[in-house]
Amino acid sequence: MPKTVSILITGKVQGVFYRKSAREKALAAGLRGQVKNLPDGSVQAIATGEPEQLASFITWCKQGPPRAIVSNVTVSDLEFQSFKNFEIVR
């Protein structure tokens, strides 16, 4: 049964193509949702999908793209949200 999670990624995660890479990984995993930079320098992804798809994406988020230095990943369950695609929010 699909569910929605918020994934908050902190560290050196802006200016390293984190959002673009996260979008590619999420689409490859069959997830829908969005990813955006936050004013404090972190990145937030909101993803909807099956638990195994989400687990795979969360594992990737803990490392991120090659130039990222991820210090922490916090995952929270959200109310189910329906998205058409996986978008980068600017």
PDB file of N, CA and C in Angstrom:
ATOM      1  N   MET A   1       0.847  -1.184   0.000  1.00  0.00           N
ATOM      2  CA  MET A   1       0.000   0.000   0.000  1.00  0.00           C
ATOM      3  C   MET A   1       0.897   1.253   0.000  1.00  0.00           C
ATOM      4  N   PRO A   2       0.699   2.147  -0.945  1.00  0.00           N
ATOM      5  CA  PRO A   2       1.577   3.321  -1.029  1.00  0.00           C
ATOM      6  C   PRO A   2       1.467   4.227   0.199  1.00  0.00           C
ATOM      7  N   LYS A   3       2.591   4.868   0.508  1.00  0.00           N
ATOM      8  CA  LYS A   3       2.593   5.840   1.593  1.00  0.00           C
ATOM      9  C   LYS A   3       3.461   7.021   1.198  1.00  0.00           C
ATOM     10  N   THR A   4       3.378   8.095   1.977  1.00  0.00           N
ATOM     11  CA  THR A   4       4.128   9.321   1.697  1.00  0.00           C
ATOM     12  C   THR A   4       5.056   9.607   2.865  1.00  0.00           C
ATOM     13  N   VAL A   5       6.294   9.956   2.542  1.00  0.00           N
ATOM     14  CA  VAL A   5       7.262  10.316   3.577  1.00  0.00           C
ATOM     15  C   VAL A   5       7.937  11.642   3.222  1.00  0.00           C
ATOM     16  N   SER A   6       8.380  12.335   4.260  1.00  0.00           N
ATOM     17  CA  SER A   6       9.225  13.513   4.113  1.00  0.00           C
ATOM     18  C   SER A   6      10.638  13.069   4.463  1.00  0.00           C
ATOM     19  N   ILE A   7      11.598  13.433   3.608  1.00  0.00           N
ATOM     20  CA  ILE A   7      13.000  13.081   3.839  1.00  0.00           C
ATOM     21  C   ILE A   7      13.779  14.388   3.903  1.00  0.00           C
ATOM     22  N   LEU A   8      14.361  14.672   5.063  1.00  0.00           N
ATOM     23  CA  LEU A   8      15.138  15.891   5.251  1.00  0.00           C
ATOM     24  C   LEU A   8      16.613  15.512   5.240  1.00  0.00           C
ATOM     25  N   ILE A   9      17.370  16.098   4.304  1.00  0.00           N
ATOM     26  CA  ILE A   9      18.776  15.759   4.123  1.00  0.00           C
ATOM     27  C   ILE A   9      19.613  16.983   4.476  1.00  0.00           C
ATOM     28  N   THR A  10      20.556  16.821   5.419  1.00  0.00           N
ATOM     29  CA  THR A  10      21.424  17.926   5.800  1.00  0.00           C
ATOM     30  C   THR A  10      22.874  17.585   5.476  1.00  0.00           C
ATOM     31  N   GLY A  11      23.693  18.637   5.407  1.00  0.00           N
ATOM     32  CA  GLY A  11      25.103  18.491   5.066  1.00  0.00           C
ATOM     33  C   GLY A  11      25.418  19.396   3.891  1.00  0.00           C
ATOM     34  N   LYS A  12      26.433  19.034   3.107  1.00  0.00           N
ATOM     35  CA  LYS A  12      26.755  19.795   1.889  1.00  0.00           C
ATOM     36  C   LYS A  12      25.900  19.190   0.766  1.00  0.00           C
ATOM     37  N   VAL A  13      24.646  19.691   0.686  1.00  0.00           N
ATOM     38  CA  VAL A  13      23.686  19.077  -0.237  1.00  0.00           C
ATOM     39  C   VAL A  13      23.072  20.083  -1.212  1.00  0.00           C
ATOM     40  N   GLN A  14      23.504  21.347  -1.146  1.00  0.00           N
ATOM     41  CA  GLN A  14      23.064  22.324  -2.153  1.00  0.00           C
ATOM     42  C   GLN A  14      24.273  22.690  -3.011  1.00  0.00           C
ATOM     43  N   GLY A  15      24.020  22.892  -4.310  1.00  0.00           N
ATOM     44  CA  GLY A  15      25.099  23.233  -5.225  1.00  0.00           C
ATOM     45  C   GLY A  15      25.908  22.023  -5.679  1.00  0.00           C
ATOM     46  N   VAL A  16      25.376  20.819  -5.444  1.00  0.00           N
ATOM     47  CA  VAL A  16      26.089  19.590  -5.833  1.00  0.00           C
ATOM     48  C   VAL A  16      25.192  18.678  -6.691  1.00  0.00           C
ATOM     49  N   PHE A  17      24.157  19.254  -7.312  1.00  0.00           N
ATOM     50  CA  PHE A  17      23.202  18.530  -8.159  1.00  0.00           C
ATOM     51  C   PHE A  17      22.388  17.490  -7.382  1.00  0.00           C
ATOM     52  N   TYR A  18      22.178  17.757  -6.077  1.00  0.00           N
ATOM     53  CA  TYR A  18      21.418  16.811  -5.256  1.00  0.00           C
ATOM     54  C   TYR A  18      19.984  16.674  -5.760  1.00  0.00           C
ATOM     55  N   ARG A  19      19.301  17.807  -6.001  1.00  0.00           N
ATOM     56  CA  ARG A  19      17.887  17.730  -6.423  1.00  0.00           C
ATOM     57  C   ARG A  19      17.746  17.010  -7.758  1.00  0.00           C
ATOM     58  N   LYS A  20      18.605  17.340  -8.718  1.00  0.00           N
ATOM     59  CA  LYS A  20      18.533  16.701 -10.036  1.00  0.00           C
ATOM     60  C   LYS A  20      18.770  15.189  -9.917  1.00  0.00           C
ATOM     61  N   SER A  21      19.797  14.815  -9.154  1.00  0.00           N
ATOM     62  CA  SER A  21      20.101  13.397  -8.970  1.00  0.00           C
ATOM     63  C   SER A  21      18.976  12.680  -8.220  1.00  0.00           C
ATOM     64  N   ALA A  22      18.423  13.349  -7.206  1.00  0.00           N
ATOM     65  CA  ALA A  22      17.324  12.745  -6.436  1.00  0.00           C
ATOM     66  C   ALA A  22      16.108  12.514  -7.327  1.00  0.00           C
ATOM     67  N   ARG A  23      15.820  13.478  -8.201  1.00  0.00           N
ATOM     68  CA  ARG A  23      14.685  13.322  -9.118  1.00  0.00           C
ATOM     69  C   ARG A  23      14.898  12.107 -10.021  1.00  0.00           C
ATOM     70  N   GLU A  24      16.115  11.973 -10.574  1.00  0.00           N
ATOM     71  CA  GLU A  24      16.409  10.825 -11.456  1.00  0.00           C
ATOM     72  C   GLU A  24      16.254   9.503 -10.702  1.00  0.00           C
ATOM     73  N   LYS A  25      16.780   9.442  -9.473  1.00  0.00           N
ATOM     74  CA  LYS A  25      16.681   8.217  -8.667  1.00  0.00           C
ATOM     75  C   LYS A  25      15.227   7.908  -8.322  1.00  0.00           C
ATOM     76  N   ALA A  26      14.465   8.937  -7.951  1.00  0.00           N
ATOM     77  CA  ALA A  26      13.062   8.739  -7.575  1.00  0.00           C
ATOM     78  C   ALA A  26      12.255   8.229  -8.765  1.00  0.00           C
ATOM     79  N   LEU A  27      12.465   8.833  -9.940  1.00  0.00           N
ATOM     80  CA  LEU A  27      11.734   8.389 -11.128  1.00  0.00           C
ATOM     81  C   LEU A  27      12.112   6.957 -11.491  1.00  0.00           C
ATOM     82  N   ALA A  28      13.398   6.624 -11.384  1.00  0.00           N
ATOM     83  CA  ALA A  28      13.846   5.264 -11.687  1.00  0.00           C
ATOM     84  C   ALA A  28      13.226   4.251 -10.723  1.00  0.00           C
ATOM     85  N   ALA A  29      12.979   4.691  -9.484  1.00  0.00           N
ATOM     86  CA  ALA A  29      12.374   3.807  -8.481  1.00  0.00           C
ATOM     87  C   ALA A  29      10.854   3.755  -8.599  1.00  0.00           C
ATOM     88  N   GLY A  30      10.270   4.603  -9.451  1.00  0.00           N
ATOM     89  CA  GLY A  30       8.817   4.621  -9.616  1.00  0.00           C
ATOM     90  C   GLY A  30       8.099   5.474  -8.587  1.00  0.00           C
ATOM     91  N   LEU A  31       8.824   6.398  -7.959  1.00  0.00           N
ATOM     92  CA  LEU A  31       8.212   7.264  -6.949  1.00  0.00           C
ATOM     93  C   LEU A  31       7.636   8.523  -7.574  1.00  0.00           C
ATOM     94  N   ARG A  32       6.722   9.142  -6.856  1.00  0.00           N
ATOM     95  CA  ARG A  32       6.176  10.443  -7.236  1.00  0.00           C
ATOM     96  C   ARG A  32       6.376  11.373  -6.054  1.00  0.00           C
ATOM     97  N   GLY A  33       6.499  12.675  -6.342  1.00  0.00           N
ATOM     98  CA  GLY A  33       6.678  13.624  -5.247  1.00  0.00           C
ATOM     99  C   GLY A  33       7.421  14.862  -5.701  1.00  0.00           C
ATOM    100  N   GLN A  34       8.261  15.386  -4.792  1.00  0.00           N
ATOM    101  CA  GLN A  34       8.990  16.617  -5.103  1.00  0.00           C
ATOM    102  C   GLN A  34      10.244  16.692  -4.254  1.00  0.00           C
ATOM    103  N   VAL A  35      11.188  17.512  -4.710  1.00  0.00           N
ATOM    104  CA  VAL A  35      12.414  17.762  -3.955  1.00  0.00           C
ATOM    105  C   VAL A  35      12.728  19.245  -4.057  1.00  0.00           C
ATOM    106  N   LYS A  36      13.184  19.853  -2.936  1.00  0.00           N
ATOM    107  CA  LYS A  36      13.469  21.283  -2.953  1.00  0.00           C
ATOM    108  C   LYS A  36      14.578  21.631  -1.976  1.00  0.00           C
ATOM    109  N   ASN A  37      15.266  22.737  -2.270  1.00  0.00           N
ATOM    110  CA  ASN A  37      16.234  23.302  -1.342  1.00  0.00           C
ATOM    111  C   ASN A  37      15.481  24.079  -0.275  1.00  0.00           C
ATOM    112  N   LEU A  38      15.965  24.033   0.951  1.00  0.00           N
ATOM    113  CA  LEU A  38      15.391  24.814   2.037  1.00  0.00           C
ATOM    114  C   LEU A  38      16.352  25.957   2.392  1.00  0.00           C
ATOM    115  N   PRO A  39      15.815  27.048   2.959  1.00  0.00           N
ATOM    116  CA  PRO A  39      16.647  28.220   3.255  1.00  0.00           C
ATOM    117  C   PRO A  39      17.837  27.942   4.179  1.00  0.00           C
ATOM    118  N   ASP A  40      17.738  26.903   5.017  1.00  0.00           N
ATOM    119  CA  ASP A  40      18.830  26.615   5.958  1.00  0.00           C
ATOM    120  C   ASP A  40      19.971  25.806   5.337  1.00  0.00           C
ATOM    121  N   GLY A  41      19.895  25.548   4.011  1.00  0.00           N
ATOM    122  CA  GLY A  41      20.961  24.810   3.336  1.00  0.00           C
ATOM    123  C   GLY A  41      20.699  23.322   3.200  1.00  0.00           C
ATOM    124  N   SER A  42      19.567  22.854   3.741  1.00  0.00           N
ATOM    125  CA  SER A  42      19.226  21.442   3.622  1.00  0.00           C
ATOM    126  C   SER A  42      18.355  21.210   2.385  1.00  0.00           C
ATOM    127  N   VAL A  43      18.066  19.942   2.118  1.00  0.00           N
ATOM    128  CA  VAL A  43      17.192  19.555   1.005  1.00  0.00           C
ATOM    129  C   VAL A  43      16.068  18.711   1.585  1.00  0.00           C
ATOM    130  N   GLN A  44      14.828  18.948   1.099  1.00  0.00           N
ATOM    131  CA  GLN A  44      13.688  18.139   1.524  1.00  0.00           C
ATOM    132  C   GLN A  44      13.085  17.449   0.315  1.00  0.00           C
ATOM    133  N   ALA A  45      12.877  16.143   0.449  1.00  0.00           N
ATOM    134  CA  ALA A  45      12.143  15.385  -0.559  1.00  0.00           C
ATOM    135  C   ALA A  45      10.862  14.888   0.086  1.00  0.00           C
ATOM    136  N   ILE A  46       9.770  14.985  -0.653  1.00  0.00           N
ATOM    137  CA  ILE A  46       8.509  14.368  -0.246  1.00  0.00           C
ATOM    138  C   ILE A  46       8.213  13.335  -1.317  1.00  0.00           C
ATOM    139  N   ALA A  47       8.115  12.079  -0.897  1.00  0.00           N
ATOM    140  CA  ALA A  47       7.978  10.999  -1.874  1.00  0.00           C
ATOM    141  C   ALA A  47       6.814  10.093  -1.511  1.00  0.00           C
ATOM    142  N   THR A  48       6.082   9.660  -2.541  1.00  0.00           N
ATOM    143  CA  THR A  48       4.979   8.726  -2.386  1.00  0.00           C
ATOM    144  C   THR A  48       5.278   7.487  -3.215  1.00  0.00           C
ATOM    145  N   GLY A  49       5.135   6.328  -2.583  1.00  0.00           N
ATOM    146  CA  GLY A  49       5.364   5.072  -3.293  1.00  0.00           C
ATOM    147  C   GLY A  49       5.199   3.898  -2.347  1.00  0.00           C
ATOM    148  N   GLU A  50       5.534   2.728  -2.856  1.00  0.00           N
ATOM    149  CA  GLU A  50       5.470   1.509  -2.048  1.00  0.00           C
ATOM    150  C   GLU A  50       6.648   1.499  -1.065  1.00  0.00           C
ATOM    151  N   PRO A  51       6.470   0.867   0.091  1.00  0.00           N
ATOM    152  CA  PRO A  51       7.531   0.866   1.109  1.00  0.00           C
ATOM    153  C   PRO A  51       8.907   0.433   0.591  1.00  0.00           C
ATOM    154  N   GLU A  52       8.968  -0.580  -0.268  1.00  0.00           N
ATOM    155  CA  GLU A  52      10.273  -1.033  -0.765  1.00  0.00           C
ATOM    156  C   GLU A  52      10.906  -0.008  -1.705  1.00  0.00           C
ATOM    157  N   GLN A  53      10.087   0.705  -2.494  1.00  0.00           N
ATOM    158  CA  GLN A  53      10.602   1.774  -3.358  1.00  0.00           C
ATOM    159  C   GLN A  53      11.159   2.908  -2.490  1.00  0.00           C
ATOM    160  N   LEU A  54      10.414   3.271  -1.461  1.00  0.00           N
ATOM    161  CA  LEU A  54      10.843   4.346  -0.562  1.00  0.00           C
ATOM    162  C   LEU A  54      12.128   3.960   0.162  1.00  0.00           C
ATOM    163  N   ALA A  55      12.234   2.716   0.616  1.00  0.00           N
ATOM    164  CA  ALA A  55      13.432   2.265   1.335  1.00  0.00           C
ATOM    165  C   ALA A  55      14.668   2.385   0.449  1.00  0.00           C
ATOM    166  N   SER A  56      14.535   2.010  -0.813  1.00  0.00           N
ATOM    167  CA  SER A  56      15.651   2.108  -1.757  1.00  0.00           C
ATOM    168  C   SER A  56      16.064   3.572  -1.962  1.00  0.00           C
ATOM    169  N   PHE A  57      15.084   4.446  -2.118  1.00  0.00           N
ATOM    170  CA  PHE A  57      15.363   5.879  -2.323  1.00  0.00           C
ATOM    171  C   PHE A  57      16.005   6.493  -1.074  1.00  0.00           C
ATOM    172  N   ILE A  58      15.506   6.136   0.100  1.00  0.00           N
ATOM    173  CA  ILE A  58      16.061   6.662   1.351  1.00  0.00           C
ATOM    174  C   ILE A  58      17.521   6.226   1.501  1.00  0.00           C
ATOM    175  N   THR A  59      17.816   4.974   1.146  1.00  0.00           N
ATOM    176  CA  THR A  59      19.205   4.490   1.187  1.00  0.00           C
ATOM    177  C   THR A  59      20.083   5.354   0.286  1.00  0.00           C
ATOM    178  N   TRP A  60      19.597   5.671  -0.929  1.00  0.00           N
ATOM    179  CA  TRP A  60      20.362   6.534  -1.833  1.00  0.00           C
ATOM    180  C   TRP A  60      20.535   7.929  -1.217  1.00  0.00           C
ATOM    181  N   CYS A  61      19.484   8.475  -0.611  1.00  0.00           N
ATOM    182  CA  CYS A  61      19.541   9.819  -0.026  1.00  0.00           C
ATOM    183  C   CYS A  61      20.645   9.938   1.023  1.00  0.00           C
ATOM    184  N   LYS A  62      20.956   8.850   1.707  1.00  0.00           N
ATOM    185  CA  LYS A  62      21.986   8.881   2.751  1.00  0.00           C
ATOM    186  C   LYS A  62      23.381   9.088   2.181  1.00  0.00           C
ATOM    187  N   GLN A  63      23.534   8.833   0.866  1.00  0.00           N
ATOM    188  CA  GLN A  63      24.827   9.071   0.214  1.00  0.00           C
ATOM    189  C   GLN A  63      24.731  10.247  -0.750  1.00  0.00           C
ATOM    190  N   GLY A  64      23.670  10.275  -1.560  1.00  0.00           N
ATOM    191  CA  GLY A  64      23.482  11.362  -2.514  1.00  0.00           C
ATOM    192  C   GLY A  64      24.429  11.259  -3.695  1.00  0.00           C
ATOM    193  N   PRO A  65      24.482  12.322  -4.508  1.00  0.00           N
ATOM    194  CA  PRO A  65      25.360  12.327  -5.677  1.00  0.00           C
ATOM    195  C   PRO A  65      26.833  12.441  -5.247  1.00  0.00           C
ATOM    196  N   PRO A  66      27.769  12.207  -6.169  1.00  0.00           N
ATOM    197  CA  PRO A  66      29.189  12.153  -5.807  1.00  0.00           C
ATOM    198  C   PRO A  66      29.734  13.354  -5.019  1.00  0.00           C
ATOM    199  N   ARG A  67      29.310  14.579  -5.327  1.00  0.00           N
ATOM    200  CA  ARG A  67      29.884  15.753  -4.667  1.00  0.00           C
ATOM    201  C   ARG A  67      29.197  16.121  -3.356  1.00  0.00           C
ATOM    202  N   ALA A  68      28.129  15.418  -3.010  1.00  0.00           N
ATOM    203  CA  ALA A  68      27.409  15.708  -1.764  1.00  0.00           C
ATOM    204  C   ALA A  68      28.143  15.119  -0.563  1.00  0.00           C
ATOM    205  N   ILE A  69      28.008  15.802   0.570  1.00  0.00           N
ATOM    206  CA  ILE A  69      28.482  15.260   1.849  1.00  0.00           C
ATOM    207  C   ILE A  69      27.270  15.285   2.781  1.00  0.00           C
ATOM    208  N   VAL A  70      26.618  14.140   2.922  1.00  0.00           N
ATOM    209  CA  VAL A  70      25.393  14.043   3.714  1.00  0.00           C
ATOM    210  C   VAL A  70      25.768  13.816   5.172  1.00  0.00           C
ATOM    211  N   SER A  71      25.281  14.693   6.052  1.00  0.00           N
ATOM    212  CA  SER A  71      25.561  14.513   7.477  1.00  0.00           C
ATOM    213  C   SER A  71      24.405  13.836   8.203  1.00  0.00           C
ATOM    214  N   ASN A  72      23.163  14.053   7.740  1.00  0.00           N
ATOM    215  CA  ASN A  72      22.024  13.436   8.424  1.00  0.00           C
ATOM    216  C   ASN A  72      20.834  13.317   7.477  1.00  0.00           C
ATOM    217  N   VAL A  73      20.052  12.260   7.667  1.00  0.00           N
ATOM    218  CA  VAL A  73      18.803  12.062   6.925  1.00  0.00           C
ATOM    219  C   VAL A  73      17.720  11.735   7.940  1.00  0.00           C
ATOM    220  N   THR A  74      16.652  12.554   7.949  1.00  0.00           N
ATOM    221  CA  THR A  74      15.531  12.340   8.869  1.00  0.00           C
ATOM    222  C   THR A  74      14.291  12.024   8.042  1.00  0.00           C
ATOM    223  N   VAL A  75      13.670  10.896   8.332  1.00  0.00           N
ATOM    224  CA  VAL A  75      12.484  10.456   7.587  1.00  0.00           C
ATOM    225  C   VAL A  75      11.264  10.536   8.501  1.00  0.00           C
ATOM    226  N   SER A  76      10.199  11.174   8.013  1.00  0.00           N
ATOM    227  CA  SER A  76       8.944  11.268   8.770  1.00  0.00           C
ATOM    228  C   SER A  76       7.791  10.829   7.880  1.00  0.00           C
ATOM    229  N   ASP A  77       6.864  10.091   8.470  1.00  0.00           N
ATOM    230  CA  ASP A  77       5.653   9.715   7.736  1.00  0.00           C
ATOM    231  C   ASP A  77       4.729  10.924   7.635  1.00  0.00           C
ATOM    232  N   LEU A  78       4.105  11.079   6.476  1.00  0.00           N
ATOM    233  CA  LEU A  78       3.131  12.141   6.241  1.00  0.00           C
ATOM    234  C   LEU A  78       1.792  11.512   5.884  1.00  0.00           C
ATOM    235  N   GLU A  79       0.738  12.344   5.907  1.00  0.00           N
ATOM    236  CA  GLU A  79      -0.546  11.917   5.336  1.00  0.00           C
ATOM    237  C   GLU A  79      -0.297  11.600   3.860  1.00  0.00           C
ATOM    238  N   PHE A  80      -1.015  10.618   3.332  1.00  0.00           N
ATOM    239  CA  PHE A  80      -0.837  10.249   1.921  1.00  0.00           C
ATOM    240  C   PHE A  80      -1.060  11.470   1.026  1.00  0.00           C
ATOM    241  N   GLN A  81      -0.127  11.682   0.098  1.00  0.00           N
ATOM    242  CA  GLN A  81      -0.268  12.758  -0.890  1.00  0.00           C
ATOM    243  C   GLN A  81      -0.121  12.158  -2.279  1.00  0.00           C
ATOM    244  N   SER A  82      -0.946  12.608  -3.187  1.00  0.00           N
ATOM    245  CA  SER A  82      -0.899  12.130  -4.566  1.00  0.00           C
ATOM    246  C   SER A  82      -0.188  13.157  -5.437  1.00  0.00           C
ATOM    247  N   PHE A  83       0.798  12.701  -6.178  1.00  0.00           N
ATOM    248  CA  PHE A  83       1.547  13.560  -7.111  1.00  0.00           C
ATOM    249  C   PHE A  83       1.451  12.958  -8.506  1.00  0.00           C
ATOM    250  N   LYS A  84       1.526  13.815  -9.521  1.00  0.00           N
ATOM    251  CA  LYS A  84       1.490  13.329 -10.910  1.00  0.00           C
ATOM    252  C   LYS A  84       2.856  12.818 -11.358  1.00  0.00           C
ATOM    253  N   ASN A  85       3.932  13.403 -10.803  1.00  0.00           N
ATOM    254  CA  ASN A  85       5.280  13.120 -11.268  1.00  0.00           C
ATOM    255  C   ASN A  85       6.229  13.306 -10.093  1.00  0.00           C
ATOM    256  N   PHE A  86       7.525  13.382 -10.363  1.00  0.00           N
ATOM    257  CA  PHE A  86       8.498  13.758  -9.332  1.00  0.00           C
ATOM    258  C   PHE A  86       9.176  15.024  -9.821  1.00  0.00           C
ATOM    259  N   GLU A  87       8.906  16.137  -9.139  1.00  0.00           N
ATOM    260  CA  GLU A  87       9.326  17.456  -9.608  1.00  0.00           C
ATOM    261  C   GLU A  87      10.391  18.082  -8.727  1.00  0.00           C
ATOM    262  N   ILE A  88      11.212  18.926  -9.341  1.00  0.00           N
ATOM    263  CA  ILE A  88      12.116  19.792  -8.595  1.00  0.00           C
ATOM    264  C   ILE A  88      11.370  21.085  -8.352  1.00  0.00           C
ATOM    265  N   VAL A  89      11.249  21.486  -7.085  1.00  0.00           N
ATOM    266  CA  VAL A  89      10.588  22.738  -6.733  1.00  0.00           C
ATOM    267  C   VAL A  89      11.676  23.796  -6.571  1.00  0.00           C
ATOM    268  N   ARG A  90      11.530  24.905  -7.293  1.00  0.00           N
ATOM    269  CA  ARG A  90      12.537  25.970  -7.223  1.00  0.00           C
ATOM    270  C   ARG A  90      12.079  27.079  -6.311  1.00  0.00           C
TER     271      ARG A  90
END
